[in-house]
């Protein structure tokens, strides 16, 4: 816990089992550095869990905590009440359904407490009813499942988002950017610059900076036409475009596109399109409880049987087996 003195923010980090350590660490460390620069304890924080017992992160490192949910509820009305609550989660968050936690988050928010979510915690905030009609950021791997489950939330593949006193970030080192933004809002750019120097980063990234590498770097492809076609495919997964539609959009013939894909990607455009649709389906199977038939429809398949056949051919297991294996892995 940070040192004593005058505190601008009192922050509770609420740890959910299998939370992501990198997001938690890059959120808390800039606060420690800011306190060191300020010299007067500008930030005070404590760690909480549902029962006050230690919580294991997804990397199997166990963290002790200061308080339980019951303790936090008692402190809501006193001098120890927080000015911000940040939920830290990670793997398996799609199945998290603790009504007591949801009620506590809503009550804190209704009392004017800022609410934050690291990595996949937007799932918990949305399940608590705090993100309806609001923008939020979540890790790109979790975006498809989140969008299907919470269609009234404007989930964006940004590094972080702030909407109506609710802060969300995509996890990883994006937590550092979000916390530096908070420090800058609380103090000034000078303090942010000094903290950046301490943690060896040269700037706060823009909230809208990419989460993932650009297609060019990710795929190792330089041909601009190929990249444009792949972007079109990725933007139209539930209702796949025909090759003729794609050809009209990029100003090439179907035969030219076929040749380009064979040369650059080693397979036909139809095959590549199928593979990225199945990749999205895999994310939905792992991250959501959508019935297989709904996953199939969301990824542009006309029937569950055709979807299952294609899935098995690519991954060597059925969609049902994929989901069962994932559950076994999380339970281990």
Protein backbone atom coordinates (compact mmCIF):
# COMPACT_ATOMS: atom_id res chain seq x y z
CA UNK A 1 0.00 0.00 0.00
CA UNK A 2 1.21 3.50 -0.73
CA UNK A 3 2.49 5.81 1.95
CA UNK A 4 0.50 8.06 4.25
CA UNK A 5 -0.32 11.68 3.63
CA UNK A 6 -2.67 13.74 1.51
CA UNK A 7 -4.23 11.51 -1.15
CA UNK A 8 -5.83 12.73 -4.34
CA UNK A 9 -7.19 9.31 -5.23
CA UNK A 10 -7.95 6.25 -3.15
CA UNK A 11 -8.08 3.29 -5.49
CA UNK A 12 -9.35 -0.23 -4.88
CA UNK A 13 -7.99 -2.90 -7.22
CA UNK A 14 -10.51 -5.74 -7.15
CA UNK A 15 -8.79 -8.97 -8.21
CA UNK A 16 -10.74 -11.68 -10.02
CA UNK A 17 -9.21 -15.20 -10.21
CA UNK A 18 -6.98 -15.66 -13.28
CA UNK A 19 -6.51 -11.91 -13.67
CA UNK A 20 -3.81 -10.79 -16.08
CA UNK A 21 -0.65 -9.84 -14.20
CA UNK A 22 0.86 -7.59 -16.88
CA UNK A 23 -2.22 -5.34 -16.93
CA UNK A 24 -2.34 -5.18 -13.12
CA UNK A 25 1.37 -4.44 -12.79
CA UNK A 26 1.39 -1.73 -15.48
CA UNK A 27 -1.60 -0.09 -13.78
CA UNK A 28 -0.19 0.00 -10.27
CA UNK A 29 3.47 0.80 -11.00
CA UNK A 30 2.90 4.28 -12.47
CA UNK A 31 1.02 5.17 -9.27
CA UNK A 32 4.02 4.11 -7.19
CA UNK A 33 6.32 6.16 -9.42
CA UNK A 34 3.99 9.17 -9.22
CA UNK A 35 4.05 8.98 -5.42
CA UNK A 36 7.83 8.89 -5.50
CA UNK A 37 7.94 11.99 -7.72
CA UNK A 38 5.33 13.84 -5.65
CA UNK A 39 6.86 12.96 -2.32
CA UNK A 40 3.51 13.29 -0.52
CA UNK A 41 1.62 10.11 -1.36
CA UNK A 42 -0.63 11.47 -4.10
CA UNK A 43 -2.15 8.02 -4.57
CA UNK A 44 -3.31 5.45 -2.06
CA UNK A 45 -4.44 1.98 -3.06
CA UNK A 46 -5.49 -1.33 -1.64
CA UNK A 47 -6.21 -4.74 -3.10
CA UNK A 48 -9.51 -6.52 -2.59
CA UNK A 49 -10.98 -9.93 -3.40
CA UNK A 50 -14.40 -11.47 -2.98
CA UNK A 51 -13.50 -13.17 0.33
CA UNK A 52 -10.33 -11.38 1.41
CA UNK A 53 -8.20 -14.39 0.51
CA UNK A 54 -5.22 -14.32 -1.88
CA UNK A 55 -6.00 -14.43 -5.61
CA UNK A 56 -4.00 -16.32 -8.20
CA UNK A 57 -3.25 -14.60 -11.49
CA UNK A 58 -3.31 -16.42 -14.82
CA UNK A 59 0.49 -16.78 -14.61
CA UNK A 60 -0.04 -18.68 -11.31
CA UNK A 61 1.49 -15.94 -9.14
CA UNK A 62 -0.66 -15.49 -6.03
CA UNK A 63 -1.38 -12.02 -4.64
CA UNK A 64 -2.42 -11.30 -1.08
CA UNK A 65 -5.12 -8.66 -0.63
CA UNK A 66 -6.09 -6.08 1.99
CA UNK A 67 -9.87 -6.36 2.07
CA UNK A 68 -12.88 -8.48 1.17
CA UNK A 69 -16.06 -7.42 -0.62
CA UNK A 70 -17.77 -7.29 2.77
CA UNK A 71 -15.04 -4.93 4.05
CA UNK A 72 -15.42 -2.70 1.02
CA UNK A 73 -19.16 -2.45 1.50
CA UNK A 74 -18.62 -1.36 5.11
CA UNK A 75 -16.13 1.32 4.03
CA UNK A 76 -18.40 2.83 1.39
CA UNK A 77 -19.81 5.41 3.80
CA UNK A 78 -16.65 6.24 5.77
CA UNK A 79 -13.40 8.09 5.26
CA UNK A 80 -11.80 5.03 3.68
CA UNK A 81 -14.25 4.92 0.79
CA UNK A 82 -12.45 4.84 -2.57
CA UNK A 83 -12.57 7.45 -5.27
CA UNK A 84 -11.98 4.76 -7.88
CA UNK A 85 -12.52 0.99 -8.16
CA UNK A 86 -10.58 -0.92 -10.82
CA UNK A 87 -11.61 -4.49 -11.65
CA UNK A 88 -8.73 -6.73 -12.77
CA UNK A 89 -9.65 -9.88 -14.68
CA UNK A 90 -8.32 -12.13 -17.42
CA UNK A 91 -9.05 -15.70 -18.48
CA UNK A 92 -12.51 -17.19 -18.12
CA UNK A 93 -14.21 -13.88 -17.36
CA UNK A 94 -17.13 -14.75 -19.66
CA UNK A 95 -18.49 -17.10 -16.98
CA UNK A 96 -18.12 -14.65 -14.09
CA UNK A 97 -21.54 -14.02 -12.55
CA UNK A 98 -21.30 -12.78 -8.97
CA UNK A 99 -24.41 -10.73 -8.23
CA UNK A 100 -22.92 -9.31 -5.04
CA UNK A 101 -19.95 -7.89 -6.97
CA UNK A 102 -22.26 -6.49 -9.64
CA UNK A 103 -24.43 -4.78 -7.00
CA UNK A 104 -21.36 -3.33 -5.24
CA UNK A 105 -19.99 -1.90 -8.50
CA UNK A 106 -23.35 -0.31 -9.33
CA UNK A 107 -23.62 1.20 -5.87
CA UNK A 108 -20.08 2.59 -5.99
CA UNK A 109 -20.79 4.08 -9.42
CA UNK A 110 -24.07 5.60 -8.25
CA UNK A 111 -22.16 7.29 -5.41
CA UNK A 112 -19.85 9.00 -7.90
CA UNK A 113 -16.93 6.58 -7.62
CA UNK A 114 -15.00 6.15 -10.87
CA UNK A 115 -15.07 2.56 -12.12
CA UNK A 116 -12.29 0.96 -14.15
CA UNK A 117 -11.71 -2.34 -15.89
CA UNK A 118 -8.42 -3.89 -16.99
CA UNK A 119 -8.03 -6.38 -19.84
CA UNK A 120 -11.27 -8.41 -20.01
CA UNK A 121 -13.00 -6.65 -17.10
CA UNK A 122 -15.37 -4.84 -19.46
CA UNK A 123 -17.25 -8.17 -19.38
CA UNK A 124 -17.84 -7.75 -15.64
CA UNK A 125 -18.77 -4.07 -15.91
CA UNK A 126 -21.21 -4.84 -18.73
CA UNK A 127 -22.74 -7.75 -16.81
CA UNK A 128 -23.20 -5.35 -13.89
CA UNK A 129 -25.21 -3.06 -16.17
CA UNK A 130 -22.68 -0.23 -16.25
CA UNK A 131 -21.83 -0.16 -19.96
CA UNK A 132 -25.18 -0.05 -21.74
CA UNK A 133 -24.97 2.65 -24.41
CA UNK A 134 -21.37 3.44 -23.46
CA UNK A 135 -18.02 3.05 -25.19
CA UNK A 136 -15.51 0.60 -23.80
CA UNK A 137 -12.22 -1.05 -24.71
CA UNK A 138 -11.46 -4.74 -24.43
CA UNK A 139 -8.65 -7.00 -25.64
CA UNK A 140 -8.97 -7.79 -29.35
CA UNK A 141 -9.18 -11.54 -28.67
CA UNK A 142 -12.26 -11.00 -26.52
CA UNK A 143 -13.95 -8.46 -28.77
CA UNK A 144 -16.05 -10.86 -30.91
CA UNK A 145 -17.58 -12.69 -27.94
CA UNK A 146 -18.17 -9.44 -26.07
CA UNK A 147 -19.96 -7.81 -29.02
CA UNK A 148 -22.26 -10.80 -29.40
CA UNK A 149 -23.11 -10.91 -25.69
CA UNK A 150 -23.48 -7.16 -25.09
CA UNK A 151 -24.81 -5.61 -28.33
CA UNK A 152 -25.94 -2.43 -26.52
CA UNK A 153 -22.36 -1.62 -25.54
CA UNK A 154 -20.10 0.15 -28.03
CA UNK A 155 -17.04 -2.06 -27.70
CA UNK A 156 -14.04 -0.70 -29.57
CA UNK A 157 -10.62 -2.17 -30.30
CA UNK A 158 -8.92 0.88 -28.76
CA UNK A 159 -6.17 0.83 -26.15
CA UNK A 160 -8.41 2.49 -23.57
CA UNK A 161 -11.70 4.36 -23.32
CA UNK A 162 -13.22 6.78 -20.81
CA UNK A 163 -16.99 7.28 -20.86
CA UNK A 164 -19.12 8.72 -18.05
CA UNK A 165 -16.55 8.16 -15.32
CA UNK A 166 -15.96 4.57 -16.46
CA UNK A 167 -12.44 3.69 -17.59
CA UNK A 168 -11.69 0.54 -19.55
CA UNK A 169 -8.52 -0.66 -21.22
CA UNK A 170 -7.57 -3.56 -23.45
CA UNK A 171 -5.04 -4.99 -21.03
CA UNK A 172 -1.34 -5.62 -21.48
CA UNK A 173 0.66 -2.41 -21.51
CA UNK A 174 -2.47 -0.42 -22.42
CA UNK A 175 -3.08 -0.23 -18.67
CA UNK A 176 0.03 1.94 -18.42
CA UNK A 177 -1.36 4.38 -20.99
CA UNK A 178 -4.70 4.60 -19.18
CA UNK A 179 -3.08 5.25 -15.81
CA UNK A 180 -0.72 7.86 -17.25
CA UNK A 181 -3.77 9.62 -18.68
CA UNK A 182 -5.37 9.59 -15.20
CA UNK A 183 -2.18 10.94 -13.61
CA UNK A 184 -2.04 13.69 -16.23
CA UNK A 185 -5.67 14.64 -15.53
CA UNK A 186 -5.01 14.68 -11.78
CA UNK A 187 -1.75 16.64 -11.99
CA UNK A 188 0.04 17.79 -15.14
CA UNK A 189 2.16 16.72 -18.10
CA UNK A 190 5.34 17.38 -16.16
CA UNK A 191 4.54 14.63 -13.66
CA UNK A 192 3.52 12.29 -16.48
CA UNK A 193 6.83 12.91 -18.25
CA UNK A 194 8.78 12.17 -15.08
CA UNK A 195 6.87 8.93 -14.55
CA UNK A 196 7.45 7.98 -18.19
CA UNK A 197 11.18 8.43 -17.66
CA UNK A 198 11.05 6.20 -14.59
CA UNK A 199 9.23 3.35 -16.35
CA UNK A 200 11.27 3.77 -19.56
CA UNK A 201 8.51 4.73 -21.96
CA UNK A 202 8.64 7.80 -24.13
CA UNK A 203 4.97 8.77 -24.32
CA UNK A 204 1.33 8.01 -23.58
CA UNK A 205 -0.06 6.27 -26.61
CA UNK A 206 -3.25 7.69 -28.09
CA UNK A 207 -6.35 5.79 -26.92
CA UNK A 208 -7.17 5.01 -30.55
CA UNK A 209 -3.75 3.54 -31.38
CA UNK A 210 -3.88 -0.01 -32.69
CA UNK A 211 -4.06 -2.94 -30.30
CA UNK A 212 -2.65 -5.29 -32.91
CA UNK A 213 0.18 -4.98 -35.38
CA UNK A 214 -0.86 -3.54 -38.74
CA UNK A 215 -1.83 -6.19 -41.28
CA UNK A 216 1.31 -5.48 -43.28
CA UNK A 217 3.53 -6.38 -40.32
CA UNK A 218 1.30 -9.13 -38.94
CA UNK A 219 1.05 -11.07 -42.18
CA UNK A 220 4.34 -10.09 -43.76
CA UNK A 221 2.44 -8.98 -46.88
CA UNK A 222 3.42 -5.87 -48.81
CA UNK A 223 0.89 -5.89 -51.68
CA UNK A 224 -1.60 -3.10 -50.98
CA UNK A 225 -4.39 -4.78 -52.98
CA UNK A 226 -4.09 -7.97 -50.93
CA UNK A 227 -4.17 -5.95 -47.71
CA UNK A 228 -7.27 -4.05 -48.83
CA UNK A 229 -9.02 -7.33 -49.71
CA UNK A 230 -8.16 -8.88 -46.33
CA UNK A 231 -9.46 -5.79 -44.52
CA UNK A 232 -12.72 -6.15 -46.49
CA UNK A 233 -12.96 -9.79 -45.51
CA UNK A 234 -12.32 -9.08 -41.82
CA UNK A 235 -15.01 -6.37 -41.86
CA UNK A 236 -17.60 -8.71 -43.42
CA UNK A 237 -17.58 -12.00 -41.55
CA UNK A 238 -21.25 -12.51 -40.66
CA UNK A 239 -22.36 -11.76 -44.23
CA UNK A 240 -19.41 -12.75 -46.44
CA UNK A 241 -18.88 -10.80 -49.64
CA UNK A 242 -18.78 -12.63 -52.93
CA UNK A 243 -15.51 -12.64 -54.84
CA UNK A 244 -17.26 -10.57 -57.50
CA UNK A 245 -18.18 -7.91 -54.92
CA UNK A 246 -14.59 -7.84 -53.69
CA UNK A 247 -13.26 -7.60 -57.23
CA UNK A 248 -15.53 -4.62 -57.98
CA UNK A 249 -14.40 -2.88 -54.79
CA UNK A 250 -10.66 -3.16 -55.46
CA UNK A 251 -10.76 -2.76 -59.24
CA UNK A 252 -9.36 -6.17 -60.10
CA UNK A 253 -10.77 -9.16 -61.94
CA UNK A 254 -11.64 -12.37 -60.13
CA UNK A 255 -8.79 -14.11 -61.94
CA UNK A 256 -6.30 -11.44 -60.84
CA UNK A 257 -7.40 -11.83 -57.21
CA UNK A 258 -7.07 -15.60 -57.46
CA UNK A 259 -3.52 -15.28 -58.80
CA UNK A 260 -2.55 -12.71 -56.15
CA UNK A 261 -3.75 -14.91 -53.28
CA UNK A 262 -2.10 -18.03 -54.67
CA UNK A 263 1.16 -16.12 -55.00
CA UNK A 264 1.12 -14.09 -51.75
CA UNK A 265 -0.96 -16.23 -49.36
CA UNK A 266 -0.43 -19.72 -50.74
CA UNK A 267 -4.17 -20.44 -51.03
CA UNK A 268 -7.27 -19.25 -52.80
CA UNK A 269 -9.15 -16.13 -51.59
CA UNK A 270 -12.15 -18.34 -50.78
CA UNK A 271 -10.00 -20.56 -48.58
CA UNK A 272 -8.42 -17.59 -46.82
CA UNK A 273 -11.85 -16.02 -46.21
CA UNK A 274 -13.08 -19.31 -44.75
CA UNK A 275 -10.09 -19.52 -42.40
CA UNK A 276 -10.60 -16.04 -40.92
CA UNK A 277 -14.32 -16.75 -40.44
CA UNK A 278 -13.43 -19.97 -38.62
CA UNK A 279 -10.87 -18.09 -36.52
CA UNK A 280 -13.60 -15.70 -35.40
CA UNK A 281 -15.83 -18.69 -34.67
CA UNK A 282 -13.11 -20.19 -32.50
CA UNK A 283 -12.92 -17.00 -30.44
CA UNK A 284 -16.70 -17.02 -29.99
CA UNK A 285 -16.73 -20.65 -28.92
CA UNK A 286 -14.01 -20.00 -26.35
CA UNK A 287 -15.23 -16.65 -25.06
CA UNK A 288 -19.02 -16.92 -25.12
CA UNK A 289 -21.84 -19.30 -24.28
CA UNK A 290 -23.58 -18.74 -27.61
CA UNK A 291 -25.15 -21.93 -29.01
CA UNK A 292 -23.09 -23.45 -31.81
CA UNK A 293 -25.78 -22.61 -34.34
CA UNK A 294 -25.61 -18.92 -33.37
CA UNK A 295 -21.82 -18.96 -33.63
CA UNK A 296 -22.24 -20.43 -37.11
CA UNK A 297 -24.64 -17.67 -38.18
CA UNK A 298 -22.43 -14.94 -36.67
CA UNK A 299 -19.56 -16.18 -38.83
CA UNK A 300 -21.49 -16.41 -42.08
CA UNK A 301 -22.39 -20.12 -42.23
CA UNK A 302 -25.83 -21.11 -43.48
CA UNK A 303 -26.05 -24.25 -41.33
CA UNK A 304 -24.54 -25.66 -38.16
CA UNK A 305 -23.67 -28.90 -39.94
CA UNK A 306 -21.64 -27.14 -42.65
CA UNK A 307 -19.95 -25.03 -39.99
CA UNK A 308 -19.02 -28.11 -37.93
CA UNK A 309 -17.65 -29.88 -41.00
CA UNK A 310 -15.43 -26.90 -41.94
CA UNK A 311 -14.32 -26.41 -38.34
CA UNK A 312 -13.29 -30.03 -37.93
CA UNK A 313 -11.38 -29.99 -41.22
CA UNK A 314 -9.32 -26.97 -40.11
CA UNK A 315 -8.82 -27.62 -36.39
CA UNK A 316 -9.16 -31.40 -36.14
CA UNK A 317 -11.99 -31.23 -33.60
CA UNK A 318 -15.64 -30.25 -33.54
CA UNK A 319 -16.91 -26.91 -32.20
CA UNK A 320 -18.37 -28.79 -29.21
CA UNK A 321 -15.01 -30.40 -28.48
CA UNK A 322 -13.29 -27.01 -28.73
CA UNK A 323 -15.59 -25.56 -26.10
CA UNK A 324 -15.28 -28.59 -23.81
CA UNK A 325 -11.47 -28.60 -24.00
CA UNK A 326 -11.37 -24.90 -23.16
CA UNK A 327 -13.52 -25.43 -20.07
CA UNK A 328 -11.28 -28.28 -18.94
CA UNK A 329 -8.20 -26.09 -19.39
CA UNK A 330 -9.66 -23.28 -17.29
CA UNK A 331 -10.72 -25.70 -14.57
CA UNK A 332 -7.25 -27.24 -14.31
